[in-house]
Each structure stands twice: as structure tokens, then as C-alpha cells.
Amino acid sequence: MDCGWSGRITSLVIDFHAHYARQENFLPRLLEALPQAGIDRICLCSAGEELGHVSNAVVREAFELHPELIVGLAHVRLGVDSPGVIDEYVNQGFRGIKIINPLECYDDLSYFPMYERMQRFNLPILFHTGIVMRGAADRQNHVNSTKMTPARLDAVARTFPGLNIVGAHLGALWYEEASMMARVHPNYYVDLTGACWGGWRANKGSDFYRYHFFWPGAWEKIIFGTDILRVEELKSSKDVHDKIFERLDLDQKTMGAIYGGTAARLLHLDQ
């Protein structure tokens, strides 16, 4: 008889949401930190050079050097890049797409050819959803959090049912919007990422998660990620997730899906 989660994940643990940090010796330090945090594979991405992040080329070099540990998500800028870049990134070995800070709202019809191309290649998309932290370049980059609310992906999920969408941060502060998107759309998932110390999750108890994930199979719409911006954040972010799920007393099958099973399926990884 399965009496709930014992605190040990018996299947592959995949960090679906992590950033390649601009830190000295980031990559070797990350590889050393992964087993210490109990993570088997990690998806690295950029949030765009316009925000001071590394280029897709740097991410590509990392997963080419360590394909057994690192999966690449290519950063795409909606309103700047053309659909043809998707073909290029697929040919380079990227297994998914990262999107943040579009020039227009996520459901702007001008972006639908881009989504169609992503669906054609069966690429999962990690969308930032919710409030974006302030930055020095916000004005020139036309940053506006309301362009990135979960409901802005409703038409996208309906129009492209073969496109697997992961809405980051549970849409903070649009939590209910995010959970309802996950309930209504088979192809919409969420992650619970935030600051490594807790962030928006710091004052949320178990009742908050039970309220938002109440339907049969709801927990399996959650995908684990750390959203690290520095190597030092990896283990503490993993620990935050462990504490959340330990209090929820989920069974091993569900925990396996959250911590890696669903991500492996979306990324087409051989477990």
C-alpha cells in the first residue's frame, strides 16, 4: 500500500526552468551542484540578451558538451524573431522554447505563425506568466506584465492543441487564472518557480495549493523548476519545492510526474 511520499524521488528529477547565469565558472560549478541538489537533468535557457542574459549560443555550447545532463531551451523574442528561427534552433539541438517580454500580448494574432511552427516541431514552450521584476531596460524593451497573464495564452492553447505550454510562476499574481488554464486545457501546465528563498510562495500554506489544484489529476499539471539565476540558488530552490510537496502528502506516482516524468514526456527524453 502506498502511504504517500517518503521524501525520496525514485524516478528521474528534471529541472525544467533554469537560467544560464553570467557567473565565473558557472557551468562546472553547476555540474557539481546538480547531484548535491538531487537533480539529474537541467533545462537551461536565456531570458534574452536585451535583459543581460547569455546568448542562445552559450546555452547550446553547454548542452553539446554535456548532453546527458543539460537540455537547451532556446529564447525567442515575440515581435522580433521570425518563425524561421525555430527551424534553426531545432537543427541546433534545442528541445524547447523560452518566451518572455513580447512586444505585444501573447495572444496577438501576428505571433500565431510562430506558434504554428513550434507546434509543427512538437516543442514545449516555457512562457513567463505574471509579474516581471523591474529592470533598468524596461522602457526600451516595452515591458508590461499584463501582456503575459495566463489568460493571454487561452487562445493559443485552443488554437494549437498540439502545443504544450508551461506557464511559469503559477502566473503570480494571477494564480487562479493559471490553475484554471491548467484545468481547462490538456496542453497547459504550470511551474511553481519563484525566488530561491520562497518568493511569492513564502506565505502560502498547503490550503492554497489544495484550493488551486482540486480536480482529479490536477497535481500532474505541475512541473518542477528552480528558475535559478545563480548556482548558489539551486539547492535552496529545490528545498522549497520539497517542503511544499511534503506538506501536501502526495503519492510517489504523482511526485514522479511533478519532478520529472511529465517534463521527460514533453521534452521527448529517453528515461
C-alpha atoms as a PDB file:
ATOM      1  CA  MET A   1       0.000   0.000   0.000  1.00  0.00           C
ATOM      2  CA  ASP A   2       1.313   3.456  -0.964  1.00  0.00           C
ATOM      3  CA  CYS A   3       1.224   5.607   2.162  1.00  0.00           C
ATOM      4  CA  GLY A   4       2.357   8.819   0.462  1.00  0.00           C
ATOM      5  CA  TRP A   5       5.624  10.495  -0.382  1.00  0.00           C
ATOM      6  CA  SER A   6       8.623   9.392   1.639  1.00  0.00           C
ATOM      7  CA  GLY A   7      10.754  12.388   0.603  1.00  0.00           C
ATOM      8  CA  ARG A   8      12.681  10.325  -1.947  1.00  0.00           C
ATOM      9  CA  ILE A   9      12.022  10.590  -5.691  1.00  0.00           C
ATOM     10  CA  THR A  10      12.629   7.236  -7.341  1.00  0.00           C
ATOM     11  CA  SER A  11      12.392   8.474 -10.948  1.00  0.00           C
ATOM     12  CA  LEU A  12      14.363  11.000 -12.982  1.00  0.00           C
ATOM     13  CA  VAL A  13      14.427  14.527 -11.491  1.00  0.00           C
ATOM     14  CA  ILE A  14      14.395  17.214 -14.179  1.00  0.00           C
ATOM     15  CA  ASP A  15      14.698  20.938 -13.526  1.00  0.00           C
ATOM     16  CA  PHE A  16      12.576  22.310 -16.375  1.00  0.00           C
ATOM     17  CA  HIS A  17      13.219  26.010 -15.691  1.00  0.00           C
ATOM     18  CA  ALA A  18      16.736  27.310 -15.024  1.00  0.00           C
ATOM     19  CA  HIS A  19      18.823  30.162 -16.393  1.00  0.00           C
ATOM     20  CA  TYR A  20      22.418  30.056 -17.563  1.00  0.00           C
ATOM     21  CA  ALA A  21      23.887  32.642 -15.202  1.00  0.00           C
ATOM     22  CA  ARG A  22      26.552  35.185 -16.009  1.00  0.00           C
ATOM     23  CA  GLN A  23      28.848  33.832 -13.303  1.00  0.00           C
ATOM     24  CA  GLU A  24      32.503  32.925 -13.443  1.00  0.00           C
ATOM     25  CA  ASN A  25      32.864  29.153 -13.958  1.00  0.00           C
ATOM     26  CA  PHE A  26      29.093  28.795 -13.959  1.00  0.00           C
ATOM     27  CA  LEU A  27      28.971  25.561 -15.933  1.00  0.00           C
ATOM     28  CA  PRO A  28      31.487  23.451 -13.937  1.00  0.00           C
ATOM     29  CA  ARG A  29      30.009  24.753 -10.696  1.00  0.00           C
ATOM     30  CA  LEU A  30      26.509  23.860 -11.885  1.00  0.00           C
ATOM     31  CA  LEU A  31      27.551  20.337 -12.799  1.00  0.00           C
ATOM     32  CA  GLU A  32      28.990  19.912  -9.311  1.00  0.00           C
ATOM     33  CA  ALA A  33      25.825  21.320  -7.681  1.00  0.00           C
ATOM     34  CA  LEU A  34      23.317  19.128  -9.558  1.00  0.00           C
ATOM     35  CA  PRO A  35      23.863  15.876  -7.611  1.00  0.00           C
ATOM     36  CA  GLN A  36      24.088  17.821  -4.345  1.00  0.00           C
ATOM     37  CA  ALA A  37      20.598  19.191  -5.051  1.00  0.00           C
ATOM     38  CA  GLY A  38      19.266  15.794  -6.160  1.00  0.00           C
ATOM     39  CA  ILE A  39      18.695  16.887  -9.764  1.00  0.00           C
ATOM     40  CA  ASP A  40      19.501  14.533 -12.651  1.00  0.00           C
ATOM     41  CA  ARG A  41      18.982  16.810 -15.665  1.00  0.00           C
ATOM     42  CA  ILE A  42      18.508  20.541 -16.060  1.00  0.00           C
ATOM     43  CA  CYS A  43      16.941  22.677 -18.790  1.00  0.00           C
ATOM     44  CA  LEU A  44      18.968  25.826 -19.324  1.00  0.00           C
ATOM     45  CA  CYS A  45      17.704  28.922 -21.086  1.00  0.00           C
ATOM     46  CA  SER A  46      18.314  32.617 -21.522  1.00  0.00           C
ATOM     47  CA  ALA A  47      15.771  35.342 -20.845  1.00  0.00           C
ATOM     48  CA  GLY A  48      17.303  37.391 -23.640  1.00  0.00           C
ATOM     49  CA  GLU A  49      20.485  39.318 -24.220  1.00  0.00           C
ATOM     50  CA  GLU A  50      18.431  42.524 -24.015  1.00  0.00           C
ATOM     51  CA  LEU A  51      17.981  41.718 -20.312  1.00  0.00           C
ATOM     52  CA  GLY A  52      21.671  40.993 -19.803  1.00  0.00           C
ATOM     53  CA  HIS A  53      21.407  37.216 -20.106  1.00  0.00           C
ATOM     54  CA  VAL A  54      23.717  34.969 -22.105  1.00  0.00           C
ATOM     55  CA  SER A  55      23.046  34.170 -25.753  1.00  0.00           C
ATOM     56  CA  ASN A  56      21.394  31.032 -27.077  1.00  0.00           C
ATOM     57  CA  ALA A  57      24.809  30.127 -28.480  1.00  0.00           C
ATOM     58  CA  VAL A  58      26.233  29.859 -24.951  1.00  0.00           C
ATOM     59  CA  VAL A  59      23.344  27.608 -23.897  1.00  0.00           C
ATOM     60  CA  ARG A  60      23.909  25.478 -26.994  1.00  0.00           C
ATOM     61  CA  GLU A  61      27.578  25.008 -26.173  1.00  0.00           C
ATOM     62  CA  ALA A  62      26.616  23.780 -22.700  1.00  0.00           C
ATOM     63  CA  PHE A  63      24.205  21.064 -23.851  1.00  0.00           C
ATOM     64  CA  GLU A  64      26.539  19.979 -26.631  1.00  0.00           C
ATOM     65  CA  LEU A  65      29.301  19.480 -24.061  1.00  0.00           C
ATOM     66  CA  HIS A  66      27.033  17.680 -21.575  1.00  0.00           C
ATOM     67  CA  PRO A  67      24.040  16.205 -23.436  1.00  0.00           C
ATOM     68  CA  GLU A  68      23.394  13.650 -20.694  1.00  0.00           C
ATOM     69  CA  LEU A  69      22.829  16.408 -18.100  1.00  0.00           C
ATOM     70  CA  ILE A  70      21.756  19.576 -19.908  1.00  0.00           C
ATOM     71  CA  VAL A  71      18.757  20.274 -22.151  1.00  0.00           C
ATOM     72  CA  GLY A  72      18.573  23.526 -24.085  1.00  0.00           C
ATOM     73  CA  LEU A  73      15.533  25.800 -24.358  1.00  0.00           C
ATOM     74  CA  ALA A  74      16.040  28.493 -26.993  1.00  0.00           C
ATOM     75  CA  HIS A  75      14.976  32.012 -26.076  1.00  0.00           C
ATOM     76  CA  VAL A  76      12.695  33.532 -28.725  1.00  0.00           C
ATOM     77  CA  ARG A  77      11.529  37.165 -28.733  1.00  0.00           C
ATOM     78  CA  LEU A  78       7.970  37.521 -29.997  1.00  0.00           C
ATOM     79  CA  GLY A  79       7.691  40.539 -32.264  1.00  0.00           C
ATOM     80  CA  VAL A  80      11.391  40.478 -33.078  1.00  0.00           C
ATOM     81  CA  ASP A  81      12.236  36.964 -34.297  1.00  0.00           C
ATOM     82  CA  SER A  82      10.683  35.333 -37.356  1.00  0.00           C
ATOM     83  CA  PRO A  83       9.228  31.792 -37.494  1.00  0.00           C
ATOM     84  CA  GLY A  84      12.270  30.624 -39.440  1.00  0.00           C
ATOM     85  CA  VAL A  85      14.450  30.804 -36.318  1.00  0.00           C
ATOM     86  CA  ILE A  86      12.531  27.829 -34.917  1.00  0.00           C
ATOM     87  CA  ASP A  87      13.880  25.619 -37.710  1.00  0.00           C
ATOM     88  CA  GLU A  88      17.392  26.806 -36.930  1.00  0.00           C
ATOM     89  CA  TYR A  89      17.087  26.076 -33.215  1.00  0.00           C
ATOM     90  CA  VAL A  90      15.666  22.607 -33.847  1.00  0.00           C
ATOM     91  CA  ASN A  91      18.569  21.841 -36.178  1.00  0.00           C
ATOM     92  CA  GLN A  92      20.960  23.025 -33.462  1.00  0.00           C
ATOM     93  CA  GLY A  93      19.526  20.558 -30.949  1.00  0.00           C
ATOM     94  CA  PHE A  94      17.297  22.740 -28.754  1.00  0.00           C
ATOM     95  CA  ARG A  95      14.383  20.732 -27.327  1.00  0.00           C
ATOM     96  CA  GLY A  96      12.085  23.574 -26.287  1.00  0.00           C
ATOM     97  CA  ILE A  97      11.472  27.317 -26.328  1.00  0.00           C
ATOM     98  CA  LYS A  98      11.589  30.037 -23.659  1.00  0.00           C
ATOM     99  CA  ILE A  99       9.451  33.176 -24.114  1.00  0.00           C
ATOM    100  CA  ILE A 100       9.258  36.360 -22.039  1.00  0.00           C
ATOM    101  CA  ASN A 101       8.597  40.066 -22.675  1.00  0.00           C
ATOM    102  CA  PRO A 102       6.752  40.017 -26.029  1.00  0.00           C
ATOM    103  CA  LEU A 103       6.267  43.321 -27.817  1.00  0.00           C
ATOM    104  CA  GLU A 104       2.512  42.660 -27.888  1.00  0.00           C
ATOM    105  CA  CYS A 105       0.290  40.386 -25.799  1.00  0.00           C
ATOM    106  CA  TYR A 106       0.903  36.634 -26.037  1.00  0.00           C
ATOM    107  CA  ASP A 107      -2.362  36.136 -27.953  1.00  0.00           C
ATOM    108  CA  ASP A 108      -1.609  38.729 -30.637  1.00  0.00           C
ATOM    109  CA  LEU A 109      -2.505  37.130 -33.967  1.00  0.00           C
ATOM    110  CA  SER A 110       0.798  38.182 -35.508  1.00  0.00           C
ATOM    111  CA  TYR A 111       2.502  35.578 -33.290  1.00  0.00           C
ATOM    112  CA  PHE A 112       0.357  32.655 -34.434  1.00  0.00           C
ATOM    113  CA  PRO A 113       2.671  31.675 -37.327  1.00  0.00           C
ATOM    114  CA  MET A 114       5.443  31.364 -34.727  1.00  0.00           C
ATOM    115  CA  TYR A 115       3.283  29.133 -32.532  1.00  0.00           C
ATOM    116  CA  GLU A 116       2.309  27.049 -35.547  1.00  0.00           C
ATOM    117  CA  ARG A 117       5.971  26.427 -36.316  1.00  0.00           C
ATOM    118  CA  MET A 118       6.657  25.408 -32.722  1.00  0.00           C
ATOM    119  CA  GLN A 119       3.703  23.023 -32.781  1.00  0.00           C
ATOM    120  CA  ARG A 120       4.958  21.511 -36.037  1.00  0.00           C
ATOM    121  CA  PHE A 121       8.197  20.529 -34.286  1.00  0.00           C
ATOM    122  CA  ASN A 122       6.361  19.440 -31.106  1.00  0.00           C
ATOM    123  CA  LEU A 123       8.392  21.821 -28.940  1.00  0.00           C
ATOM    124  CA  PRO A 124       7.230  22.600 -25.397  1.00  0.00           C
ATOM    125  CA  ILE A 125       7.190  26.319 -24.624  1.00  0.00           C
ATOM    126  CA  LEU A 126       8.121  27.801 -21.258  1.00  0.00           C
ATOM    127  CA  PHE A 127       6.246  31.111 -21.033  1.00  0.00           C
ATOM    128  CA  HIS A 128       6.836  33.649 -18.341  1.00  0.00           C
ATOM    129  CA  THR A 129       3.430  34.370 -16.823  1.00  0.00           C
ATOM    130  CA  GLY A 130       2.650  37.028 -14.233  1.00  0.00           C
ATOM    131  CA  ILE A 131       4.517  39.972 -12.802  1.00  0.00           C
ATOM    132  CA  VAL A 132       8.015  40.681 -14.149  1.00  0.00           C
ATOM    133  CA  MET A 133      10.642  42.154 -11.861  1.00  0.00           C
ATOM    134  CA  ARG A 134      11.654  45.708 -12.686  1.00  0.00           C
ATOM    135  CA  GLY A 135      14.807  46.332 -14.695  1.00  0.00           C
ATOM    136  CA  ALA A 136      16.819  49.268 -15.992  1.00  0.00           C
ATOM    137  CA  ALA A 137      15.851  48.498 -19.611  1.00  0.00           C
ATOM    138  CA  ASP A 138      12.098  48.143 -19.051  1.00  0.00           C
ATOM    139  CA  ARG A 139      11.171  51.244 -21.031  1.00  0.00           C
ATOM    140  CA  GLN A 140      13.138  50.463 -24.183  1.00  0.00           C
ATOM    141  CA  ASN A 141      12.076  46.811 -24.049  1.00  0.00           C
ATOM    142  CA  HIS A 142       8.372  47.760 -23.684  1.00  0.00           C
ATOM    143  CA  VAL A 143       7.987  45.523 -20.628  1.00  0.00           C
ATOM    144  CA  ASN A 144       4.400  45.188 -19.389  1.00  0.00           C
ATOM    145  CA  SER A 145       3.339  42.296 -17.160  1.00  0.00           C
ATOM    146  CA  THR A 146      -0.284  42.402 -18.328  1.00  0.00           C
ATOM    147  CA  LYS A 147       0.881  41.186 -21.759  1.00  0.00           C
ATOM    148  CA  MET A 148       1.895  37.955 -20.038  1.00  0.00           C
ATOM    149  CA  THR A 149      -1.041  36.918 -17.865  1.00  0.00           C
ATOM    150  CA  PRO A 150      -2.082  33.236 -18.061  1.00  0.00           C
ATOM    151  CA  ALA A 151      -5.370  34.032 -19.813  1.00  0.00           C
ATOM    152  CA  ARG A 152      -3.386  35.626 -22.654  1.00  0.00           C
ATOM    153  CA  LEU A 153      -2.456  32.029 -23.535  1.00  0.00           C
ATOM    154  CA  ASP A 154      -6.052  30.797 -23.671  1.00  0.00           C
ATOM    155  CA  ALA A 155      -6.480  31.377 -27.409  1.00  0.00           C
ATOM    156  CA  VAL A 156      -3.001  29.959 -28.035  1.00  0.00           C
ATOM    157  CA  ALA A 157      -3.798  26.711 -26.204  1.00  0.00           C
ATOM    158  CA  ARG A 158      -7.136  26.392 -28.046  1.00  0.00           C
ATOM    159  CA  THR A 159      -5.775  27.192 -31.499  1.00  0.00           C
ATOM    160  CA  PHE A 160      -2.738  24.931 -31.179  1.00  0.00           C
ATOM    161  CA  PRO A 161      -3.848  21.841 -29.208  1.00  0.00           C
ATOM    162  CA  GLY A 162      -0.599  20.052 -30.056  1.00  0.00           C
ATOM    163  CA  LEU A 163       1.474  22.819 -28.488  1.00  0.00           C
ATOM    164  CA  ASN A 164       2.495  22.033 -24.917  1.00  0.00           C
ATOM    165  CA  ILE A 165       2.597  25.208 -22.830  1.00  0.00           C
ATOM    166  CA  VAL A 166       4.231  25.607 -19.415  1.00  0.00           C
ATOM    167  CA  GLY A 167       3.172  28.806 -17.635  1.00  0.00           C
ATOM    168  CA  ALA A 168       5.882  29.798 -15.163  1.00  0.00           C
ATOM    169  CA  HIS A 169       5.372  31.045 -11.582  1.00  0.00           C
ATOM    170  CA  LEU A 170       1.729  29.911 -11.438  1.00  0.00           C
ATOM    171  CA  GLY A 171       1.021  33.254 -13.100  1.00  0.00           C
ATOM    172  CA  ALA A 172       1.870  35.187  -9.930  1.00  0.00           C
ATOM    173  CA  LEU A 173      -0.249  37.142  -9.023  1.00  0.00           C
ATOM    174  CA  TRP A 174      -2.887  35.670 -11.346  1.00  0.00           C
ATOM    175  CA  TYR A 175      -2.862  32.312  -9.531  1.00  0.00           C
ATOM    176  CA  GLU A 176      -6.485  31.334 -10.056  1.00  0.00           C
ATOM    177  CA  GLU A 177      -6.285  32.261 -13.716  1.00  0.00           C
ATOM    178  CA  ALA A 178      -3.248  29.982 -14.058  1.00  0.00           C
ATOM    179  CA  SER A 179      -4.771  26.990 -12.284  1.00  0.00           C
ATOM    180  CA  MET A 180      -7.985  27.265 -14.305  1.00  0.00           C
ATOM    181  CA  MET A 181      -5.953  27.310 -17.513  1.00  0.00           C
ATOM    182  CA  ALA A 182      -4.295  24.077 -16.375  1.00  0.00           C
ATOM    183  CA  ARG A 183      -7.684  22.580 -15.563  1.00  0.00           C
ATOM    184  CA  VAL A 184      -9.380  23.529 -18.857  1.00  0.00           C
ATOM    185  CA  HIS A 185      -6.547  22.875 -21.301  1.00  0.00           C
ATOM    186  CA  PRO A 186      -4.907  19.425 -21.598  1.00  0.00           C
ATOM    187  CA  ASN A 187      -1.857  21.122 -23.134  1.00  0.00           C
ATOM    188  CA  TYR A 188      -1.344  23.740 -20.396  1.00  0.00           C
ATOM    189  CA  TYR A 189       0.975  23.105 -17.436  1.00  0.00           C
ATOM    190  CA  VAL A 190       2.414  25.316 -14.708  1.00  0.00           C
ATOM    191  CA  ASP A 191       5.526  25.560 -12.609  1.00  0.00           C
ATOM    192  CA  LEU A 192       5.768  26.944  -9.074  1.00  0.00           C
ATOM    193  CA  THR A 193       9.037  28.801  -9.515  1.00  0.00           C
ATOM    194  CA  GLY A 194       9.886  31.957  -7.612  1.00  0.00           C
ATOM    195  CA  ALA A 195      12.725  33.358  -5.546  1.00  0.00           C
ATOM    196  CA  CYS A 196      15.034  30.666  -4.169  1.00  0.00           C
ATOM    197  CA  TRP A 197      14.076  31.575  -0.585  1.00  0.00           C
ATOM    198  CA  GLY A 198      10.387  31.214  -1.337  1.00  0.00           C
ATOM    199  CA  GLY A 199       9.306  34.408  -3.083  1.00  0.00           C
ATOM    200  CA  TRP A 200       5.555  34.528  -3.697  1.00  0.00           C
ATOM    201  CA  ARG A 201       5.314  31.035  -2.145  1.00  0.00           C
ATOM    202  CA  ALA A 202       6.731  32.094   1.216  1.00  0.00           C
ATOM    203  CA  ASN A 203       3.357  32.928   2.765  1.00  0.00           C
ATOM    204  CA  LYS A 204       1.331  30.214   1.005  1.00  0.00           C
ATOM    205  CA  GLY A 205       0.211  27.237   3.066  1.00  0.00           C
ATOM    206  CA  SER A 206      -0.967  23.835   1.915  1.00  0.00           C
ATOM    207  CA  ASP A 207      -4.577  25.039   1.716  1.00  0.00           C
ATOM    208  CA  PHE A 208      -3.544  27.483  -1.016  1.00  0.00           C
ATOM    209  CA  TYR A 209      -2.316  24.650  -3.242  1.00  0.00           C
ATOM    210  CA  ARG A 210      -5.254  22.382  -2.440  1.00  0.00           C
ATOM    211  CA  TYR A 211      -7.627  25.215  -3.359  1.00  0.00           C
ATOM    212  CA  HIS A 212      -5.995  25.758  -6.752  1.00  0.00           C
ATOM    213  CA  PHE A 213      -5.379  22.085  -7.622  1.00  0.00           C
ATOM    214  CA  PHE A 214      -8.611  20.396  -6.633  1.00  0.00           C
ATOM    215  CA  TRP A 215      -9.654  18.285  -9.638  1.00  0.00           C
ATOM    216  CA  PRO A 216      -8.617  14.692 -10.410  1.00  0.00           C
ATOM    217  CA  GLY A 217      -5.117  14.652 -11.908  1.00  0.00           C
ATOM    218  CA  ALA A 218      -4.518  18.308 -11.049  1.00  0.00           C
ATOM    219  CA  TRP A 219      -1.149  17.780  -9.361  1.00  0.00           C
ATOM    220  CA  GLU A 220       0.242  16.189 -12.509  1.00  0.00           C
ATOM    221  CA  LYS A 221      -0.178  19.515 -14.319  1.00  0.00           C
ATOM    222  CA  ILE A 222       2.696  20.889 -12.180  1.00  0.00           C
ATOM    223  CA  ILE A 223       6.267  20.697 -13.496  1.00  0.00           C
ATOM    224  CA  PHE A 224       9.286  21.164 -11.236  1.00  0.00           C
ATOM    225  CA  GLY A 225      11.722  24.001 -11.931  1.00  0.00           C
ATOM    226  CA  THR A 226      14.100  26.178  -9.927  1.00  0.00           C
ATOM    227  CA  ASP A 227      14.361  29.383 -12.023  1.00  0.00           C
ATOM    228  CA  ILE A 228      17.927  29.844 -10.791  1.00  0.00           C
ATOM    229  CA  LEU A 229      19.866  32.977 -11.692  1.00  0.00           C
ATOM    230  CA  ARG A 230      22.939  31.842  -9.721  1.00  0.00           C
ATOM    231  CA  VAL A 231      24.393  28.411  -8.945  1.00  0.00           C
ATOM    232  CA  GLU A 232      24.018  29.050  -5.230  1.00  0.00           C
ATOM    233  CA  GLU A 233      20.231  29.130  -5.630  1.00  0.00           C
ATOM    234  CA  LEU A 234      19.872  25.582  -6.958  1.00  0.00           C
ATOM    235  CA  LYS A 235      19.643  23.530  -3.766  1.00  0.00           C
ATOM    236  CA  SER A 236      17.644  26.105  -1.803  1.00  0.00           C
ATOM    237  CA  SER A 237      15.079  26.334  -4.591  1.00  0.00           C
ATOM    238  CA  LYS A 238      14.799  22.542  -4.736  1.00  0.00           C
ATOM    239  CA  ASP A 239      14.359  22.502  -0.943  1.00  0.00           C
ATOM    240  CA  VAL A 240      11.465  24.992  -1.174  1.00  0.00           C
ATOM    241  CA  HIS A 241       9.643  22.642  -3.553  1.00  0.00           C
ATOM    242  CA  ASP A 242      10.373  19.614  -1.377  1.00  0.00           C
ATOM    243  CA  LYS A 243       8.801  21.319   1.640  1.00  0.00           C
ATOM    244  CA  ILE A 244       5.695  22.331  -0.310  1.00  0.00           C
ATOM    245  CA  PHE A 245       5.055  18.815  -1.590  1.00  0.00           C
ATOM    246  CA  GLU A 246       5.970  17.087   1.667  1.00  0.00           C
ATOM    247  CA  ARG A 247       3.180  19.001   3.424  1.00  0.00           C
ATOM    248  CA  LEU A 248       0.722  18.008   0.686  1.00  0.00           C
ATOM    249  CA  ASP A 249       1.431  14.290   1.259  1.00  0.00           C
ATOM    250  CA  LEU A 250       1.270  13.324  -2.417  1.00  0.00           C
ATOM    251  CA  ASP A 251       1.890   9.749  -3.535  1.00  0.00           C
ATOM    252  CA  GLN A 252       5.047   8.539  -5.279  1.00  0.00           C
ATOM    253  CA  LYS A 253       3.460   8.328  -8.737  1.00  0.00           C
ATOM    254  CA  THR A 254       2.329  11.938  -8.573  1.00  0.00           C
ATOM    255  CA  MET A 255       5.676  13.095  -7.210  1.00  0.00           C
ATOM    256  CA  GLY A 256       7.447  11.272 -10.025  1.00  0.00           C
ATOM    257  CA  ALA A 257       5.318  13.116 -12.586  1.00  0.00           C
ATOM    258  CA  ILE A 258       5.925  16.509 -10.978  1.00  0.00           C
ATOM    259  CA  TYR A 259       9.669  16.103 -10.531  1.00  0.00           C
ATOM    260  CA  GLY A 260      10.488  14.691 -13.936  1.00  0.00           C
ATOM    261  CA  GLY A 261       8.008  12.340 -15.567  1.00  0.00           C
ATOM    262  CA  THR A 262       5.897  14.990 -17.255  1.00  0.00           C
ATOM    263  CA  ALA A 263       8.914  17.062 -18.275  1.00  0.00           C
ATOM    264  CA  ALA A 264      10.585  13.989 -19.797  1.00  0.00           C
ATOM    265  CA  ARG A 265       7.461  13.301 -21.841  1.00  0.00           C
ATOM    266  CA  LEU A 266       7.177  16.890 -23.104  1.00  0.00           C
ATOM    267  CA  LEU A 267      10.891  17.007 -23.959  1.00  0.00           C
ATOM    268  CA  HIS A 268      10.880  13.521 -25.544  1.00  0.00           C
ATOM    269  CA  LEU A 269      13.726  12.362 -23.316  1.00  0.00           C
ATOM    270  CA  ASP A 270      14.671   8.695 -23.000  1.00  0.00           C
ATOM    271  CA  GLN A 271      14.352   7.909 -19.292  1.00  0.00           C
END
